[in-house]
Every structure is written in C-alpha cells, then in structure tokens.
Amino acid sequence: MTMKNWRVIALLLATAEIISAAGARPDVSTVIDKATAESILGETVKATTPRNLDGADGYYSKINYYALKPGKALIIRLHQAAPGSPDPQQELEMVRASTGATKPLSGLGDRAEYAHGADSNLPAHALMLYVAKGNTLVTVGLNGLDDDSLALDKARNVAQKILEKL
C-alpha cells in the first residue's frame, strides 16, 4: 500500500471513531451499578432489571433501585431524542409546566433544573434532577435522604457520571 492509501484508511478510522463516540448510547445500569446505588442510598437495594430500548422518539435507558427497607430509592432515566422528536430543552419546559417549582442548577450539561419537596408536588425528602445535554435528557430521582442538600449533591454526581459517557 502506498502512503496515500494509509492516510485515507487512518482518516476513515478516525472519522468512524468520532461518529461512534457521538452516537454513544450508554446503559445507565452499567454507569451506576447496584453497588454504587447502595453506596448512594446507604442501604442494600433489591435486585432490579435495567431497560434499554429504541422507541419511535429515540433511545431510552432506565433503572430503578429500591432499598430493601422501604423509603429509599434511586431512579435513573436517560432519553436521547430522535430527529423530529421534542428535544431535551422542550422536555424540560414540559417538566416545569407539570411540576411548577423547579430551580436552575449551574455547571451541569447545557441546562439543569431540580425539584424537591412539597413545592414541587413531591413527597418530603424526594428530589428530581433534570439535565439536558445535546439531544439527551438525564433524569435522576432520589427519595428517602433526610438532607436535601446531600441528596442534590448525590443526584448531581450521578448525572455527571452519566453525562461523561455521552
């Protein structure tokens, strides 16, 4: 092979790698596994089954971790919108319209907002974090942690780990 052919092959491989990385479809259950969920909740969690599927409106990955003792849970959702479907910014607007009281959170994704407690029609010690990045919306729900500030930090860390896989 000539040097020109090697360059073309190298360029094609590099382009394929970039396209593959841009189309990353993470499985949230491998990013936040059972052991990590137990560490976040401070409790042993029940066995669970992740769901990863392609829908007409995009790719979904979701997992629910529930503590063996009732009251604590970690819920994680990822949705990558298909072309022509509502984008994550539109989805965040729909969330705000349905929950009412979300608060902005800076430094996470393109846009992040969270809701917690009665002001957002959630139970006490429940928190929902929504993060839009590109065509992806990540939702992290935490329930049962007495310290709302700690819950927000933990939810933020979960979202950040997932965003790193995009």
Protein backbone atom coordinates (compact mmCIF):
# COMPACT_ATOMS: atom_id res chain seq x y z
CA MET A 1 0.00 0.00 0.00
CA THR A 2 1.08 3.50 -0.69
CA MET A 3 1.45 6.18 1.97
CA LYS A 4 -1.60 7.94 0.49
CA ASN A 5 -3.72 4.80 0.99
CA TRP A 6 -2.58 4.53 4.63
CA ARG A 7 -3.57 8.16 5.22
CA VAL A 8 -7.01 7.58 3.74
CA ILE A 9 -7.50 4.49 5.91
CA ALA A 10 -6.34 6.37 9.01
CA LEU A 11 -8.72 9.24 8.22
CA LEU A 12 -11.65 6.83 7.72
CA LEU A 13 -10.92 5.06 11.02
CA ALA A 14 -10.66 8.36 12.89
CA THR A 15 -13.96 9.53 11.37
CA ALA A 16 -15.67 6.27 12.33
CA GLU A 17 -14.39 6.62 15.89
CA ILE A 18 -15.74 10.20 16.15
CA ILE A 19 -19.11 9.15 14.74
CA SER A 20 -19.25 6.20 17.14
CA ALA A 21 -18.43 8.40 20.15
CA ALA A 22 -21.02 10.99 19.12
CA GLY A 23 -23.65 8.26 18.95
CA ALA A 24 -22.87 6.79 22.37
CA ARG A 25 -25.89 5.06 23.86
CA PRO A 26 -25.00 4.40 27.47
CA ASP A 27 -26.69 1.79 29.62
CA VAL A 28 -27.32 3.71 32.84
CA SER A 29 -27.25 0.48 34.87
CA THR A 30 -23.59 -0.04 33.96
CA VAL A 31 -22.70 3.57 34.79
CA ILE A 32 -24.49 3.43 38.16
CA ASP A 33 -24.46 -0.22 39.16
CA LYS A 34 -26.06 -1.92 42.18
CA ALA A 35 -23.02 -1.37 44.42
CA THR A 36 -22.88 2.32 43.54
CA ALA A 37 -26.63 2.67 44.17
CA GLU A 38 -26.20 1.06 47.58
CA SER A 39 -23.41 3.49 48.38
CA ILE A 40 -25.59 6.45 47.34
CA LEU A 41 -28.62 5.29 49.34
CA GLY A 42 -26.69 3.90 52.29
CA GLU A 43 -28.84 0.77 52.12
CA THR A 44 -28.88 -2.62 50.43
CA VAL A 45 -31.03 -2.47 47.29
CA LYS A 46 -33.31 -5.06 45.74
CA ALA A 47 -32.37 -6.90 42.56
CA THR A 48 -33.55 -4.97 39.54
CA THR A 49 -33.73 -5.22 35.78
CA PRO A 50 -32.48 -2.40 33.57
CA ARG A 51 -34.36 -1.43 30.43
CA ASN A 52 -32.70 -0.18 27.27
CA LEU A 53 -34.82 0.25 24.19
CA ASP A 54 -35.27 2.13 20.96
CA GLY A 55 -38.58 3.89 20.56
CA ALA A 56 -40.06 5.95 17.77
CA ASP A 57 -38.95 9.08 19.62
CA GLY A 58 -35.43 7.90 20.50
CA TYR A 59 -33.31 5.72 22.74
CA TYR A 60 -34.17 5.06 26.39
CA SER A 61 -32.10 3.61 29.22
CA LYS A 62 -33.60 3.29 32.69
CA ILE A 63 -33.07 1.62 36.05
CA ASN A 64 -34.87 1.74 39.41
CA TYR A 65 -33.00 0.93 42.61
CA TYR A 66 -35.21 0.41 45.68
CA ALA A 67 -33.83 -0.18 49.17
CA LEU A 68 -34.77 -3.44 50.89
CA LYS A 69 -36.18 -1.33 53.72
CA PRO A 70 -38.99 0.78 52.26
CA GLY A 71 -38.49 4.50 51.82
CA LYS A 72 -35.28 4.94 49.83
CA ALA A 73 -34.96 4.83 46.06
CA LEU A 74 -32.72 5.92 43.21
CA ILE A 75 -34.41 6.25 39.81
CA ILE A 76 -32.34 6.97 36.70
CA ARG A 77 -33.61 7.73 33.19
CA LEU A 78 -31.79 8.68 30.00
CA HIS A 79 -33.59 9.68 26.82
CA GLN A 80 -31.78 10.50 23.59
CA ALA A 81 -34.28 12.20 21.29
CA ALA A 82 -34.65 11.01 17.72
CA PRO A 83 -34.66 13.63 14.97
CA GLY A 84 -38.07 15.30 14.83
CA SER A 85 -38.95 14.45 18.45
CA PRO A 86 -39.13 17.06 21.20
CA ASP A 87 -35.59 17.98 22.17
CA PRO A 88 -34.41 17.94 25.82
CA GLN A 89 -34.99 21.70 26.18
CA GLN A 90 -38.64 21.21 25.18
CA GLU A 91 -38.90 18.25 27.55
CA LEU A 92 -37.57 20.40 30.39
CA GLU A 93 -40.24 23.01 29.63
CA MET A 94 -42.91 20.28 29.82
CA VAL A 95 -41.49 19.14 33.18
CA ARG A 96 -41.59 22.69 34.52
CA ALA A 97 -45.17 23.11 33.33
CA SER A 98 -46.25 19.92 35.12
CA THR A 99 -44.27 20.34 38.37
CA GLY A 100 -44.31 24.10 38.73
CA ALA A 101 -41.40 24.75 41.04
CA THR A 102 -38.06 23.80 39.52
CA LYS A 103 -34.82 25.54 40.37
CA PRO A 104 -31.89 26.04 37.98
CA LEU A 105 -28.60 24.29 38.69
CA SER A 106 -25.47 25.60 37.00
CA GLY A 107 -22.43 23.73 35.73
CA LEU A 108 -24.18 20.58 34.58
CA GLY A 109 -24.92 19.81 30.93
CA ASP A 110 -26.41 22.50 28.72
CA ARG A 111 -29.17 23.16 31.24
CA ALA A 112 -30.11 21.58 34.56
CA GLU A 113 -33.05 22.05 36.91
CA TYR A 114 -34.24 20.26 40.00
CA ALA A 115 -37.39 19.97 42.05
CA HIS A 116 -37.88 18.77 45.59
CA GLY A 117 -40.46 18.59 48.34
CA ALA A 118 -43.99 19.89 48.59
CA ASP A 119 -43.32 22.99 46.46
CA SER A 120 -42.96 20.63 43.50
CA ASN A 121 -45.75 18.23 44.45
CA LEU A 122 -43.18 15.69 45.61
CA PRO A 123 -43.10 13.90 48.95
CA ALA A 124 -40.81 15.20 51.68
CA HIS A 125 -37.19 14.14 51.06
CA ALA A 126 -37.81 13.46 47.37
CA LEU A 127 -35.71 15.16 44.71
CA MET A 128 -35.80 15.11 40.92
CA LEU A 129 -32.88 16.39 38.83
CA TYR A 130 -33.26 17.01 35.10
CA VAL A 131 -30.22 17.63 32.89
CA ALA A 132 -30.32 18.44 29.19
CA LYS A 133 -27.18 17.98 27.12
CA GLY A 134 -27.29 17.94 23.34
CA ASN A 135 -30.08 15.57 22.31
CA THR A 136 -30.10 13.85 25.72
CA LEU A 137 -32.21 14.33 28.84
CA VAL A 138 -30.99 12.66 32.04
CA THR A 139 -33.37 12.37 34.97
CA VAL A 140 -32.21 11.36 38.45
CA GLY A 141 -34.72 10.83 41.24
CA LEU A 142 -33.72 10.30 44.86
CA ASN A 143 -36.08 9.55 47.71
CA GLY A 144 -35.54 9.00 51.41
CA LEU A 145 -32.42 11.02 52.19
CA ASP A 146 -33.06 13.34 55.14
CA ASP A 147 -30.58 16.00 54.00
CA ASP A 148 -31.89 17.72 50.83
CA SER A 149 -28.52 19.35 50.16
CA LEU A 150 -26.76 15.97 50.32
CA ALA A 151 -29.45 14.46 48.06
CA LEU A 152 -28.83 17.20 45.47
CA ASP A 153 -25.06 16.59 45.61
CA LYS A 154 -25.58 12.84 45.13
CA ALA A 155 -28.04 13.34 42.26
CA ARG A 156 -25.63 15.79 40.64
CA ASN A 157 -22.78 13.23 40.88
CA VAL A 158 -24.96 10.52 39.32
CA ALA A 159 -25.91 12.82 36.43
CA GLN A 160 -22.29 13.86 35.91
CA LYS A 161 -21.15 10.22 35.65
CA ILE A 162 -23.81 9.55 33.04
CA LEU A 163 -23.01 12.72 31.07
CA GLU A 164 -19.35 11.63 30.93
CA LYS A 165 -20.47 8.56 28.91
CA LEU A 166 -22.16 10.63 26.19
